[in-house]
Amino acid sequence: MLEAESCPASSRVREESGDEELSVLPRHTKVIVKGNNRTKSVLVGLQGVVKKAVGLGGWHWLVLKNGVEVKLQRNALSVLEPPTGNEEDDHYDFDDSTSGSENAAKEDHHHHHHHHNPTSSLQFRKVSKQRARYSKPWFSNNRSRHPPRVHLGRLGYGSLLRYWRAFHLEKKICPRPSKEQLISGVQNHFSSQKVDEVHVILGFIRAAKK
C-alpha cells in the first residue's frame, strides 16, 4: 500500500487505528477522505492536503484538489503521502465554523465526478480566496429620514432666475431677488416638492431652458 511505502515507522504520521483519533497530521500531508459519521457522502473518496489541524476534536482543515476548503476530523482521513518538507508554505485563510458548506461539498462532488483520475499524480493548487462575503447594503434606512440635499448654488444667476419666474416665486417672495435670495428661495421650493424626484428634476430642466 502507498501508506506502507511512504510512511516509515519513525514518521510523525501515525496510521495505526488506535492512534487515528489522537494524532494530528502535519501540514502538507496528502490525504484521502474515507469518512466518518459526520462526513458528507459527497466528500468520501476525494483527495486533499492538510493545511491546518488542532488537537481538540482532531479537526483538520483540508484543501481539496479543486481548491475548495473543508473541515474534517482525523478519523475521517487516510494518509496518502506524508509531507516532504519541500512544500511551498503559502498563507491560507480558514473558516473555523463548520465542516464545509453544502455548496463546497456539491462543488467537490461535481469536480470529482467529472475530473477525478485515480491514476494521476496528486497535484494541488493554491486556494483561490473566492469566498462569498456579504457586504453592507448599498442603501441605509436613514435615507428616508434624511433625504439628499440638492445644491443649487452652482447654477448661474440666469438659470436660477428662470426657475424663480417659472414657479412664480417673485409673487410669493421677492420680485427682484439677489443671487443669495434666489439660491435660498429656489432651494427651499425645490426641496418642498412632494412629488416624484425624477418629475421635479425634469420640470426644473424644462423651466431652466425657457
N, C-alpha and C. Protein backbone atom coordinates (compact mmCIF):
# COMPACT_ATOMS: atom_id res chain seq x y z
N MET A 1 0.83 -1.20 0.00
CA MET A 1 0.00 0.00 0.00
C MET A 1 0.87 1.25 0.00
N LEU A 2 0.28 2.33 -0.44
CA LEU A 2 1.04 3.58 -0.53
C LEU A 2 1.48 4.05 0.83
N GLU A 3 0.60 3.83 1.87
CA GLU A 3 0.99 4.25 3.20
C GLU A 3 2.22 3.50 3.69
N ALA A 4 2.26 2.20 3.40
CA ALA A 4 3.37 1.39 3.88
C ALA A 4 4.66 1.79 3.20
N GLU A 5 4.59 2.16 1.93
CA GLU A 5 5.80 2.52 1.20
C GLU A 5 6.31 3.90 1.59
N SER A 6 5.41 4.83 1.87
CA SER A 6 5.82 6.21 2.04
C SER A 6 5.90 6.65 3.50
N CYS A 7 5.43 5.83 4.44
CA CYS A 7 5.41 6.22 5.84
C CYS A 7 6.26 5.27 6.66
N PRO A 8 7.48 5.61 6.97
CA PRO A 8 8.32 4.76 7.82
C PRO A 8 7.80 4.76 9.24
N ALA A 9 8.30 3.80 10.04
CA ALA A 9 7.81 3.64 11.41
C ALA A 9 8.09 4.85 12.25
N SER A 10 9.15 5.58 11.94
CA SER A 10 9.52 6.76 12.73
C SER A 10 8.79 8.02 12.31
N SER A 11 7.93 7.92 11.29
CA SER A 11 7.23 9.10 10.79
C SER A 11 6.28 9.64 11.83
N ARG A 12 6.07 11.01 11.78
CA ARG A 12 5.11 11.64 12.68
C ARG A 12 3.69 11.26 12.33
N VAL A 13 3.46 10.81 11.10
CA VAL A 13 2.12 10.46 10.65
C VAL A 13 1.82 9.06 11.11
N ARG A 14 0.89 8.90 12.04
CA ARG A 14 0.58 7.60 12.60
C ARG A 14 -0.75 7.11 12.05
N GLU A 15 -0.74 5.97 11.38
CA GLU A 15 -1.94 5.45 10.76
C GLU A 15 -2.49 4.25 11.52
N GLU A 16 -1.88 3.88 12.63
CA GLU A 16 -2.44 2.78 13.40
C GLU A 16 -3.81 3.17 13.90
N SER A 17 -4.72 2.21 13.91
CA SER A 17 -6.11 2.52 14.24
C SER A 17 -6.25 3.08 15.64
N GLY A 18 -5.43 2.66 16.56
CA GLY A 18 -5.55 3.15 17.92
C GLY A 18 -5.14 4.60 18.07
N ASP A 19 -4.34 5.13 17.15
CA ASP A 19 -3.83 6.50 17.26
C ASP A 19 -4.53 7.47 16.33
N GLU A 20 -5.43 6.99 15.49
CA GLU A 20 -6.00 7.86 14.47
C GLU A 20 -6.71 9.06 15.06
N GLU A 21 -7.48 8.85 16.13
CA GLU A 21 -8.26 9.94 16.68
C GLU A 21 -7.41 10.88 17.52
N LEU A 22 -6.22 10.42 17.95
CA LEU A 22 -5.39 11.24 18.82
C LEU A 22 -4.32 11.99 18.05
N SER A 23 -3.85 11.42 16.94
CA SER A 23 -2.77 12.04 16.21
C SER A 23 -3.26 13.24 15.42
N VAL A 24 -2.36 14.21 15.25
CA VAL A 24 -2.65 15.38 14.43
C VAL A 24 -1.69 15.36 13.25
N LEU A 25 -2.24 15.36 12.06
CA LEU A 25 -1.40 15.29 10.87
C LEU A 25 -0.71 16.62 10.64
N PRO A 26 0.56 16.61 10.26
CA PRO A 26 1.27 17.85 9.99
C PRO A 26 0.79 18.51 8.70
N ARG A 27 1.12 19.77 8.56
CA ARG A 27 0.78 20.50 7.33
C ARG A 27 1.38 19.81 6.12
N HIS A 28 0.66 19.92 5.00
CA HIS A 28 1.09 19.40 3.71
C HIS A 28 1.00 17.88 3.61
N THR A 29 0.38 17.22 4.61
CA THR A 29 0.15 15.79 4.47
C THR A 29 -0.95 15.58 3.44
N LYS A 30 -0.71 14.69 2.48
CA LYS A 30 -1.70 14.39 1.45
C LYS A 30 -2.58 13.24 1.93
N VAL A 31 -3.88 13.46 1.86
CA VAL A 31 -4.82 12.50 2.43
C VAL A 31 -5.95 12.22 1.45
N ILE A 32 -6.71 11.18 1.78
CA ILE A 32 -7.94 10.87 1.06
C ILE A 32 -9.05 10.76 2.10
N VAL A 33 -10.22 11.24 1.78
CA VAL A 33 -11.34 11.23 2.71
C VAL A 33 -12.00 9.86 2.70
N LYS A 34 -11.95 9.17 3.85
CA LYS A 34 -12.63 7.88 3.97
C LYS A 34 -13.98 8.02 4.67
N GLY A 35 -14.13 9.12 5.45
CA GLY A 35 -15.42 9.44 6.04
C GLY A 35 -15.62 8.89 7.44
N ASN A 36 -16.49 9.56 8.19
CA ASN A 36 -16.99 9.06 9.47
C ASN A 36 -18.46 9.47 9.57
N ASN A 37 -19.03 9.37 10.77
CA ASN A 37 -20.46 9.66 10.88
C ASN A 37 -20.80 11.13 10.71
N ARG A 38 -19.79 12.01 10.65
CA ARG A 38 -20.02 13.44 10.43
C ARG A 38 -19.78 13.85 8.98
N THR A 39 -19.22 12.98 8.18
CA THR A 39 -18.77 13.35 6.84
C THR A 39 -19.90 13.29 5.83
N LYS A 40 -20.01 14.29 5.00
CA LYS A 40 -20.96 14.26 3.89
C LYS A 40 -20.51 13.22 2.88
N SER A 41 -21.47 12.48 2.36
CA SER A 41 -21.13 11.37 1.47
C SER A 41 -20.43 11.83 0.20
N VAL A 42 -20.71 13.05 -0.24
CA VAL A 42 -20.10 13.53 -1.48
C VAL A 42 -18.62 13.80 -1.33
N LEU A 43 -18.14 13.88 -0.07
CA LEU A 43 -16.72 14.14 0.15
C LEU A 43 -15.89 12.87 0.20
N VAL A 44 -16.54 11.72 0.42
CA VAL A 44 -15.81 10.46 0.55
C VAL A 44 -15.11 10.13 -0.77
N GLY A 45 -13.83 9.81 -0.68
CA GLY A 45 -13.05 9.46 -1.86
C GLY A 45 -12.28 10.62 -2.45
N LEU A 46 -12.55 11.85 -1.99
CA LEU A 46 -11.82 12.99 -2.52
C LEU A 46 -10.45 13.11 -1.86
N GLN A 47 -9.50 13.65 -2.58
CA GLN A 47 -8.14 13.80 -2.08
C GLN A 47 -7.86 15.26 -1.76
N GLY A 48 -7.02 15.47 -0.76
CA GLY A 48 -6.70 16.83 -0.36
C GLY A 48 -5.39 16.90 0.38
N VAL A 49 -5.04 18.09 0.81
CA VAL A 49 -3.80 18.31 1.55
C VAL A 49 -4.12 19.05 2.84
N VAL A 50 -3.49 18.65 3.93
CA VAL A 50 -3.72 19.26 5.24
C VAL A 50 -3.04 20.63 5.28
N LYS A 51 -3.80 21.64 5.66
CA LYS A 51 -3.25 22.98 5.79
C LYS A 51 -3.29 23.49 7.22
N LYS A 52 -4.08 22.84 8.08
CA LYS A 52 -4.16 23.24 9.48
C LYS A 52 -4.81 22.12 10.26
N ALA A 53 -4.40 21.94 11.51
CA ALA A 53 -5.00 20.91 12.36
C ALA A 53 -4.93 21.35 13.81
N VAL A 54 -5.92 20.93 14.59
CA VAL A 54 -5.94 21.21 16.02
C VAL A 54 -6.17 19.91 16.77
N GLY A 55 -5.56 19.78 17.94
CA GLY A 55 -5.69 18.55 18.71
C GLY A 55 -7.06 18.37 19.30
N LEU A 56 -7.70 19.45 19.71
CA LEU A 56 -9.02 19.37 20.33
C LEU A 56 -10.06 18.96 19.29
N GLY A 57 -10.58 17.77 19.43
CA GLY A 57 -11.56 17.26 18.47
C GLY A 57 -10.94 16.64 17.24
N GLY A 58 -9.63 16.79 17.07
CA GLY A 58 -8.96 16.20 15.92
C GLY A 58 -9.36 16.81 14.59
N TRP A 59 -9.71 18.08 14.60
CA TRP A 59 -10.18 18.72 13.36
C TRP A 59 -9.00 19.07 12.46
N HIS A 60 -9.19 18.80 11.18
CA HIS A 60 -8.18 19.10 10.16
C HIS A 60 -8.83 19.91 9.05
N TRP A 61 -8.16 20.96 8.65
CA TRP A 61 -8.62 21.78 7.52
C TRP A 61 -7.87 21.31 6.28
N LEU A 62 -8.63 20.94 5.25
CA LEU A 62 -8.04 20.42 4.02
C LEU A 62 -8.30 21.37 2.87
N VAL A 63 -7.41 21.33 1.92
CA VAL A 63 -7.64 21.97 0.62
C VAL A 63 -7.74 20.84 -0.39
N LEU A 64 -8.92 20.68 -0.97
CA LEU A 64 -9.13 19.63 -1.96
C LEU A 64 -8.44 19.98 -3.27
N LYS A 65 -8.41 19.00 -4.17
CA LYS A 65 -7.68 19.20 -5.43
C LYS A 65 -8.25 20.34 -6.26
N ASN A 66 -9.56 20.61 -6.09
CA ASN A 66 -10.16 21.70 -6.86
C ASN A 66 -10.06 23.04 -6.14
N GLY A 67 -9.32 23.09 -5.01
CA GLY A 67 -9.12 24.35 -4.31
C GLY A 67 -10.13 24.67 -3.24
N VAL A 68 -11.14 23.82 -3.06
CA VAL A 68 -12.18 24.08 -2.06
C VAL A 68 -11.70 23.64 -0.68
N GLU A 69 -12.01 24.42 0.34
CA GLU A 69 -11.63 24.10 1.71
C GLU A 69 -12.74 23.33 2.42
N VAL A 70 -12.36 22.30 3.18
CA VAL A 70 -13.31 21.57 4.02
C VAL A 70 -12.66 21.32 5.37
N LYS A 71 -13.48 21.02 6.36
CA LYS A 71 -13.01 20.75 7.72
C LYS A 71 -13.51 19.38 8.14
N LEU A 72 -12.59 18.47 8.42
CA LEU A 72 -12.93 17.09 8.75
C LEU A 72 -12.13 16.64 9.96
N GLN A 73 -12.64 15.60 10.64
CA GLN A 73 -11.93 15.04 11.78
C GLN A 73 -10.87 14.05 11.32
N ARG A 74 -9.92 13.79 12.21
CA ARG A 74 -8.78 12.93 11.88
C ARG A 74 -9.22 11.53 11.48
N ASN A 75 -10.21 10.97 12.18
CA ASN A 75 -10.60 9.59 11.87
C ASN A 75 -11.40 9.47 10.58
N ALA A 76 -11.62 10.59 9.89
CA ALA A 76 -12.27 10.56 8.58
C ALA A 76 -11.25 10.60 7.45
N LEU A 77 -9.96 10.59 7.79
CA LEU A 77 -8.90 10.76 6.80
C LEU A 77 -7.96 9.58 6.79
N SER A 78 -7.46 9.24 5.62
CA SER A 78 -6.39 8.27 5.46
C SER A 78 -5.23 8.94 4.75
N VAL A 79 -4.03 8.67 5.23
CA VAL A 79 -2.84 9.32 4.68
C VAL A 79 -2.43 8.68 3.36
N LEU A 80 -2.21 9.51 2.37
CA LEU A 80 -1.66 9.06 1.09
C LEU A 80 -0.16 9.27 1.05
N GLU A 81 0.28 10.41 1.55
CA GLU A 81 1.70 10.73 1.47
C GLU A 81 2.05 11.76 2.55
N PRO A 82 3.08 11.51 3.35
CA PRO A 82 3.48 12.48 4.37
C PRO A 82 4.16 13.68 3.72
N PRO A 83 4.29 14.78 4.42
CA PRO A 83 4.97 15.95 3.86
C PRO A 83 6.45 15.67 3.63
N THR A 84 6.98 16.24 2.57
CA THR A 84 8.40 16.05 2.24
C THR A 84 9.28 17.12 2.86
N GLY A 85 8.68 18.23 3.26
CA GLY A 85 9.45 19.34 3.80
C GLY A 85 9.83 20.36 2.75
N ASN A 86 9.54 20.06 1.49
CA ASN A 86 9.90 20.97 0.40
C ASN A 86 8.69 21.74 -0.14
N GLU A 87 7.53 21.58 0.52
CA GLU A 87 6.34 22.23 0.02
C GLU A 87 6.41 23.74 0.23
N GLU A 88 5.75 24.45 -0.65
CA GLU A 88 5.68 25.91 -0.52
C GLU A 88 4.69 26.26 0.57
N ASP A 89 5.12 27.00 1.56
CA ASP A 89 4.30 27.31 2.72
C ASP A 89 3.54 28.61 2.49
N ASP A 90 2.43 28.52 1.77
CA ASP A 90 1.64 29.70 1.45
C ASP A 90 0.73 30.06 2.62
N HIS A 91 0.24 31.28 2.59
CA HIS A 91 -0.69 31.75 3.62
C HIS A 91 -2.11 31.46 3.17
N TYR A 92 -2.87 30.80 4.04
CA TYR A 92 -4.25 30.48 3.74
C TYR A 92 -5.15 30.98 4.87
N ASP A 93 -6.37 31.35 4.50
CA ASP A 93 -7.37 31.73 5.49
C ASP A 93 -8.31 30.55 5.68
N PHE A 94 -8.76 30.35 6.92
CA PHE A 94 -9.62 29.23 7.19
C PHE A 94 -10.82 29.68 8.00
N ASP A 95 -11.92 28.99 7.76
CA ASP A 95 -13.16 29.25 8.48
C ASP A 95 -13.32 28.18 9.54
N ASP A 96 -13.34 28.55 10.82
CA ASP A 96 -13.39 27.59 11.91
C ASP A 96 -14.81 27.15 12.25
N SER A 97 -15.79 27.55 11.49
CA SER A 97 -17.16 27.37 11.93
C SER A 97 -17.67 25.95 11.73
N THR A 98 -17.66 25.44 10.50
CA THR A 98 -18.30 24.16 10.24
C THR A 98 -17.38 23.28 9.44
N SER A 99 -17.90 22.08 9.14
CA SER A 99 -17.09 21.11 8.41
C SER A 99 -17.31 21.24 6.91
N GLY A 100 -17.36 22.43 6.40
CA GLY A 100 -17.52 22.65 4.96
C GLY A 100 -18.96 22.93 4.63
N SER A 101 -19.20 23.86 3.73
CA SER A 101 -20.56 24.23 3.37
C SER A 101 -21.15 23.23 2.40
N GLU A 102 -22.49 23.29 2.29
CA GLU A 102 -23.16 22.42 1.34
C GLU A 102 -22.71 22.72 -0.08
N ASN A 103 -22.52 23.99 -0.38
CA ASN A 103 -22.08 24.36 -1.72
C ASN A 103 -20.70 23.83 -2.02
N ALA A 104 -19.82 23.90 -1.03
CA ALA A 104 -18.47 23.38 -1.24
C ALA A 104 -18.51 21.89 -1.48
N ALA A 105 -19.36 21.19 -0.72
CA ALA A 105 -19.46 19.75 -0.89
C ALA A 105 -20.00 19.39 -2.26
N LYS A 106 -21.01 20.13 -2.73
CA LYS A 106 -21.55 19.86 -4.06
C LYS A 106 -20.52 20.14 -5.14
N GLU A 107 -19.76 21.22 -4.96
CA GLU A 107 -18.73 21.55 -5.94
C GLU A 107 -17.66 20.47 -5.98
N ASP A 108 -17.29 19.95 -4.79
CA ASP A 108 -16.30 18.88 -4.73
C ASP A 108 -16.81 17.65 -5.47
N HIS A 109 -18.09 17.31 -5.24
CA HIS A 109 -18.65 16.13 -5.87
C HIS A 109 -18.68 16.29 -7.38
N HIS A 110 -19.08 17.47 -7.85
CA HIS A 110 -19.13 17.72 -9.29
C HIS A 110 -17.74 17.61 -9.90
N HIS A 111 -16.75 18.21 -9.25
CA HIS A 111 -15.39 18.16 -9.76
C HIS A 111 -14.86 16.74 -9.74
N HIS A 112 -15.16 15.98 -8.68
CA HIS A 112 -14.67 14.62 -8.56
C HIS A 112 -15.29 13.72 -9.63
N HIS A 113 -16.59 13.94 -9.90
CA HIS A 113 -17.29 13.10 -10.85
C HIS A 113 -16.78 13.28 -12.27
N HIS A 114 -16.42 14.51 -12.62
CA HIS A 114 -16.04 14.80 -13.99
C HIS A 114 -14.54 14.81 -14.23
N HIS A 115 -13.75 15.05 -13.19
CA HIS A 115 -12.33 15.28 -13.43
C HIS A 115 -11.41 14.35 -12.66
N HIS A 116 -11.90 13.61 -11.68
CA HIS A 116 -11.01 12.83 -10.83
C HIS A 116 -10.41 11.66 -11.59
N ASN A 117 -9.12 11.55 -11.55
CA ASN A 117 -8.41 10.46 -12.20
C ASN A 117 -7.53 9.78 -11.16
N PRO A 118 -7.89 8.57 -10.68
CA PRO A 118 -7.14 7.93 -9.60
C PRO A 118 -5.73 7.55 -9.97
N THR A 119 -5.42 7.49 -11.26
CA THR A 119 -4.08 7.08 -11.68
C THR A 119 -3.13 8.26 -11.83
N SER A 120 -3.67 9.45 -11.79
CA SER A 120 -2.81 10.62 -11.98
C SER A 120 -2.09 10.95 -10.69
N SER A 121 -0.97 11.67 -10.82
CA SER A 121 -0.23 12.08 -9.64
C SER A 121 -1.01 13.16 -8.92
N LEU A 122 -0.80 13.21 -7.60
CA LEU A 122 -1.56 14.14 -6.78
C LEU A 122 -0.99 15.54 -6.92
N GLN A 123 -1.76 16.42 -7.51
CA GLN A 123 -1.34 17.80 -7.71
C GLN A 123 -2.29 18.71 -6.94
N PHE A 124 -1.72 19.72 -6.31
CA PHE A 124 -2.53 20.62 -5.51
C PHE A 124 -2.30 22.06 -5.96
N ARG A 125 -3.36 22.78 -5.92
CA ARG A 125 -3.31 24.18 -6.29
C ARG A 125 -3.52 25.06 -5.08
N LYS A 126 -3.07 26.30 -5.21
CA LYS A 126 -3.30 27.25 -4.13
C LYS A 126 -4.79 27.53 -4.02
N VAL A 127 -5.18 27.81 -2.82
CA VAL A 127 -6.59 28.11 -2.60
C VAL A 127 -6.91 29.47 -3.18
N SER A 128 -7.92 29.50 -4.03
CA SER A 128 -8.39 30.79 -4.53
C SER A 128 -9.33 31.35 -3.49
N LYS A 129 -9.06 32.57 -3.09
CA LYS A 129 -9.84 33.16 -2.00
C LYS A 129 -11.14 33.75 -2.53
N GLN A 130 -11.91 32.87 -3.22
CA GLN A 130 -13.16 33.33 -3.80
C GLN A 130 -14.28 32.88 -2.88
N ARG A 131 -14.46 33.59 -1.79
CA ARG A 131 -15.50 33.26 -0.83
C ARG A 131 -16.60 34.30 -0.92
N ALA A 132 -17.78 33.86 -0.61
CA ALA A 132 -18.90 34.79 -0.61
C ALA A 132 -18.80 35.66 0.62
N ARG A 133 -18.67 36.90 0.42
CA ARG A 133 -18.58 37.84 1.53
C ARG A 133 -19.77 38.79 1.43
N TYR A 134 -20.48 38.89 2.50
CA TYR A 134 -21.68 39.71 2.49
C TYR A 134 -21.31 41.13 2.88
N SER A 135 -21.50 42.03 1.95
CA SER A 135 -21.17 43.43 2.19
C SER A 135 -22.37 44.15 2.78
N LYS A 136 -22.13 45.34 3.25
CA LYS A 136 -23.20 46.14 3.80
C LYS A 136 -24.14 46.56 2.68
N PRO A 137 -25.43 46.71 2.97
CA PRO A 137 -26.36 47.13 1.92
C PRO A 137 -25.99 48.48 1.36
N TRP A 138 -26.31 48.65 0.08
CA TRP A 138 -25.98 49.90 -0.60
C TRP A 138 -26.74 51.07 0.01
N PHE A 139 -27.98 50.80 0.45
CA PHE A 139 -28.82 51.89 0.92
C PHE A 139 -29.14 51.69 2.39
N SER A 140 -29.10 52.76 3.12
CA SER A 140 -29.39 52.72 4.55
C SER A 140 -30.82 53.15 4.80
N ASN A 141 -31.36 52.67 5.92
CA ASN A 141 -32.71 53.07 6.29
C ASN A 141 -32.79 54.54 6.64
N ASN A 142 -31.63 55.15 6.90
CA ASN A 142 -31.62 56.57 7.24
C ASN A 142 -31.92 57.46 6.05
N ARG A 143 -31.92 56.86 4.85
CA ARG A 143 -32.11 57.67 3.65
C ARG A 143 -33.48 58.34 3.63
N SER A 144 -34.51 57.59 4.11
CA SER A 144 -35.85 58.15 4.09
C SER A 144 -36.00 59.29 5.10
N ARG A 145 -35.26 59.19 6.21
CA ARG A 145 -35.35 60.24 7.22
C ARG A 145 -34.48 61.44 6.87
N HIS A 146 -33.43 61.22 6.10
CA HIS A 146 -32.52 62.31 5.72
C HIS A 146 -32.34 62.31 4.21
N PRO A 147 -33.30 62.84 3.47
CA PRO A 147 -33.19 62.84 2.01
C PRO A 147 -32.00 63.66 1.56
N PRO A 148 -31.38 63.28 0.45
CA PRO A 148 -30.21 64.01 -0.04
C PRO A 148 -30.57 65.43 -0.43
N ARG A 149 -29.72 66.36 -0.06
CA ARG A 149 -29.94 67.75 -0.41
C ARG A 149 -29.39 68.03 -1.81
N VAL A 150 -30.11 68.90 -2.53
CA VAL A 150 -29.69 69.31 -3.86
C VAL A 150 -29.04 70.68 -3.73
N HIS A 151 -27.80 70.79 -4.13
CA HIS A 151 -27.06 72.05 -4.02
C HIS A 151 -27.21 72.82 -5.33
N LEU A 152 -28.01 73.86 -5.26
CA LEU A 152 -28.30 74.64 -6.46
C LEU A 152 -27.42 75.88 -6.57
N GLY A 153 -26.50 76.06 -5.63
CA GLY A 153 -25.66 77.24 -5.65
C GLY A 153 -24.70 77.29 -6.82
N ARG A 154 -24.51 76.16 -7.48
CA ARG A 154 -23.59 76.12 -8.62
C ARG A 154 -24.22 76.67 -9.89
N LEU A 155 -25.54 76.81 -9.87
CA LEU A 155 -26.21 77.34 -11.06
C LEU A 155 -25.96 78.84 -11.18
N GLY A 156 -26.00 79.28 -12.41
CA GLY A 156 -25.82 80.70 -12.67
C GLY A 156 -27.05 81.51 -12.30
N TYR A 157 -26.86 82.83 -12.23
CA TYR A 157 -27.96 83.72 -11.85
C TYR A 157 -29.12 83.60 -12.83
N GLY A 158 -28.80 83.48 -14.13
CA GLY A 158 -29.85 83.40 -15.13
C GLY A 158 -30.71 82.14 -14.98
N SER A 159 -30.07 81.02 -14.74
CA SER A 159 -30.81 79.76 -14.57
C SER A 159 -31.70 79.81 -13.34
N LEU A 160 -31.14 80.34 -12.25
CA LEU A 160 -31.94 80.45 -11.03
C LEU A 160 -33.12 81.39 -11.21
N LEU A 161 -32.89 82.47 -11.96
CA LEU A 161 -33.96 83.45 -12.17
C LEU A 161 -35.07 82.86 -13.03
N ARG A 162 -34.68 82.03 -14.03
CA ARG A 162 -35.72 81.39 -14.86
C ARG A 162 -36.57 80.42 -14.03
N TYR A 163 -35.92 79.68 -13.14
CA TYR A 163 -36.67 78.79 -12.24
C TYR A 163 -37.59 79.62 -11.34
N TRP A 164 -37.05 80.73 -10.83
CA TRP A 164 -37.79 81.64 -9.95
C TRP A 164 -39.08 82.11 -10.61
N ARG A 165 -38.95 82.50 -11.88
CA ARG A 165 -40.11 83.02 -12.59
C ARG A 165 -41.05 81.91 -13.05
N ALA A 166 -40.48 80.75 -13.41
CA ALA A 166 -41.31 79.65 -13.90
C ALA A 166 -42.27 79.16 -12.83
N PHE A 167 -41.85 79.20 -11.58
CA PHE A 167 -42.72 78.77 -10.48
C PHE A 167 -43.33 79.95 -9.73
N HIS A 168 -43.24 81.14 -10.34
CA HIS A 168 -43.90 82.35 -9.83
C HIS A 168 -43.46 82.67 -8.40
N LEU A 169 -42.19 82.48 -8.13
CA LEU A 169 -41.69 82.79 -6.79
C LEU A 169 -41.56 84.29 -6.57
N GLU A 170 -41.54 85.06 -7.66
CA GLU A 170 -41.41 86.51 -7.49
C GLU A 170 -42.67 87.10 -6.86
N LYS A 171 -43.80 86.41 -7.04
CA LYS A 171 -45.05 86.90 -6.44
C LYS A 171 -45.13 86.52 -4.96
N LYS A 172 -44.45 85.42 -4.60
CA LYS A 172 -44.55 84.94 -3.22
C LYS A 172 -43.46 85.49 -2.33
N ILE A 173 -42.29 85.75 -2.90
CA ILE A 173 -41.16 86.13 -2.06
C ILE A 173 -40.67 87.54 -2.39
N CYS A 174 -40.08 87.67 -3.58
CA CYS A 174 -39.47 88.96 -3.92
C CYS A 174 -39.41 89.08 -5.44
N PRO A 175 -39.83 90.22 -6.00
CA PRO A 175 -39.81 90.36 -7.46
C PRO A 175 -38.41 90.52 -8.03
N ARG A 176 -37.49 91.13 -7.28
CA ARG A 176 -36.12 91.35 -7.76
C ARG A 176 -35.12 90.81 -6.74
N PRO A 177 -34.91 89.56 -6.73
CA PRO A 177 -34.06 88.96 -5.69
C PRO A 177 -32.57 89.05 -6.04
N SER A 178 -31.75 89.03 -4.99
CA SER A 178 -30.30 88.88 -5.18
C SER A 178 -30.01 87.40 -5.43
N LYS A 179 -28.75 87.10 -5.78
CA LYS A 179 -28.42 85.70 -6.04
C LYS A 179 -28.59 84.85 -4.79
N GLU A 180 -28.24 85.41 -3.62
CA GLU A 180 -28.40 84.66 -2.38
C GLU A 180 -29.87 84.36 -2.13
N GLN A 181 -30.74 85.34 -2.40
CA GLN A 181 -32.17 85.11 -2.24
C GLN A 181 -32.68 84.09 -3.25
N LEU A 182 -32.13 84.16 -4.46
CA LEU A 182 -32.51 83.17 -5.48
C LEU A 182 -32.16 81.76 -5.02
N ILE A 183 -30.91 81.61 -4.58
CA ILE A 183 -30.46 80.28 -4.17
C ILE A 183 -31.32 79.75 -3.02
N SER A 184 -31.55 80.60 -2.02
CA SER A 184 -32.34 80.19 -0.86
C SER A 184 -33.77 79.85 -1.24
N GLY A 185 -34.38 80.73 -2.05
CA GLY A 185 -35.76 80.51 -2.44
C GLY A 185 -35.94 79.29 -3.32
N VAL A 186 -35.06 79.15 -4.32
CA VAL A 186 -35.15 78.00 -5.22
C VAL A 186 -34.87 76.71 -4.47
N GLN A 187 -33.87 76.76 -3.58
CA GLN A 187 -33.53 75.57 -2.79
C GLN A 187 -34.72 75.12 -1.95
N ASN A 188 -35.34 76.06 -1.25
CA ASN A 188 -36.47 75.73 -0.39
C ASN A 188 -37.66 75.23 -1.21
N HIS A 189 -37.91 75.88 -2.34
CA HIS A 189 -39.03 75.46 -3.18
C HIS A 189 -38.80 74.06 -3.74
N PHE A 190 -37.59 73.83 -4.22
CA PHE A 190 -37.27 72.54 -4.82
C PHE A 190 -37.38 71.41 -3.79
N SER A 191 -36.86 71.67 -2.57
CA SER A 191 -36.88 70.64 -1.53
C SER A 191 -38.27 70.39 -0.99
N SER A 192 -39.17 71.34 -1.15
CA SER A 192 -40.52 71.19 -0.59
C SER A 192 -41.46 70.42 -1.50
N GLN A 193 -41.01 70.11 -2.70
CA GLN A 193 -41.88 69.43 -3.64
C GLN A 193 -42.18 68.01 -3.16
N LYS A 194 -43.45 67.65 -3.12
CA LYS A 194 -43.88 66.34 -2.64
C LYS A 194 -44.26 65.42 -3.79
N VAL A 195 -43.50 65.48 -4.84
CA VAL A 195 -43.78 64.63 -5.99
C VAL A 195 -42.56 63.77 -6.27
N ASP A 196 -42.67 62.98 -7.31
CA ASP A 196 -41.57 62.10 -7.67
C ASP A 196 -40.32 62.91 -8.00
N GLU A 197 -39.19 62.44 -7.51
CA GLU A 197 -37.93 63.17 -7.66
C GLU A 197 -37.58 63.39 -9.13
N VAL A 198 -37.79 62.37 -9.95
CA VAL A 198 -37.48 62.49 -11.37
C VAL A 198 -38.38 63.53 -12.02
N HIS A 199 -39.64 63.55 -11.62
CA HIS A 199 -40.58 64.51 -12.19
C HIS A 199 -40.15 65.95 -11.87
N VAL A 200 -39.69 66.17 -10.64
CA VAL A 200 -39.25 67.51 -10.25
C VAL A 200 -38.03 67.93 -11.04
N ILE A 201 -37.09 67.01 -11.20
CA ILE A 201 -35.86 67.34 -11.93
C ILE A 201 -36.17 67.68 -13.38
N LEU A 202 -37.07 66.89 -13.99
CA LEU A 202 -37.44 67.18 -15.38
C LEU A 202 -38.13 68.53 -15.49
N GLY A 203 -38.98 68.83 -14.50
CA GLY A 203 -39.63 70.13 -14.51
C GLY A 203 -38.65 71.27 -14.35
N PHE A 204 -37.63 71.05 -13.52
CA PHE A 204 -36.60 72.06 -13.34
C PHE A 204 -35.82 72.28 -14.63
N ILE A 205 -35.52 71.19 -15.32
CA ILE A 205 -34.77 71.30 -16.58
C ILE A 205 -35.58 72.06 -17.62
N ARG A 206 -36.86 71.73 -17.71
CA ARG A 206 -37.71 72.44 -18.68
C ARG A 206 -37.80 73.92 -18.35
N ALA A 207 -37.92 74.23 -17.06
CA ALA A 207 -38.02 75.63 -16.66
C ALA A 207 -36.72 76.37 -16.93
N ALA A 208 -35.60 75.70 -16.75
CA ALA A 208 -34.30 76.34 -16.95
C ALA A 208 -34.03 76.62 -18.41
N LYS A 209 -34.68 75.88 -19.31
CA LYS A 209 -34.44 76.06 -20.75
C LYS A 209 -35.33 77.13 -21.36
N LYS A 210 -36.31 77.61 -20.61
CA LYS A 210 -37.21 78.62 -21.17
C LYS A 210 -36.51 79.97 -21.33
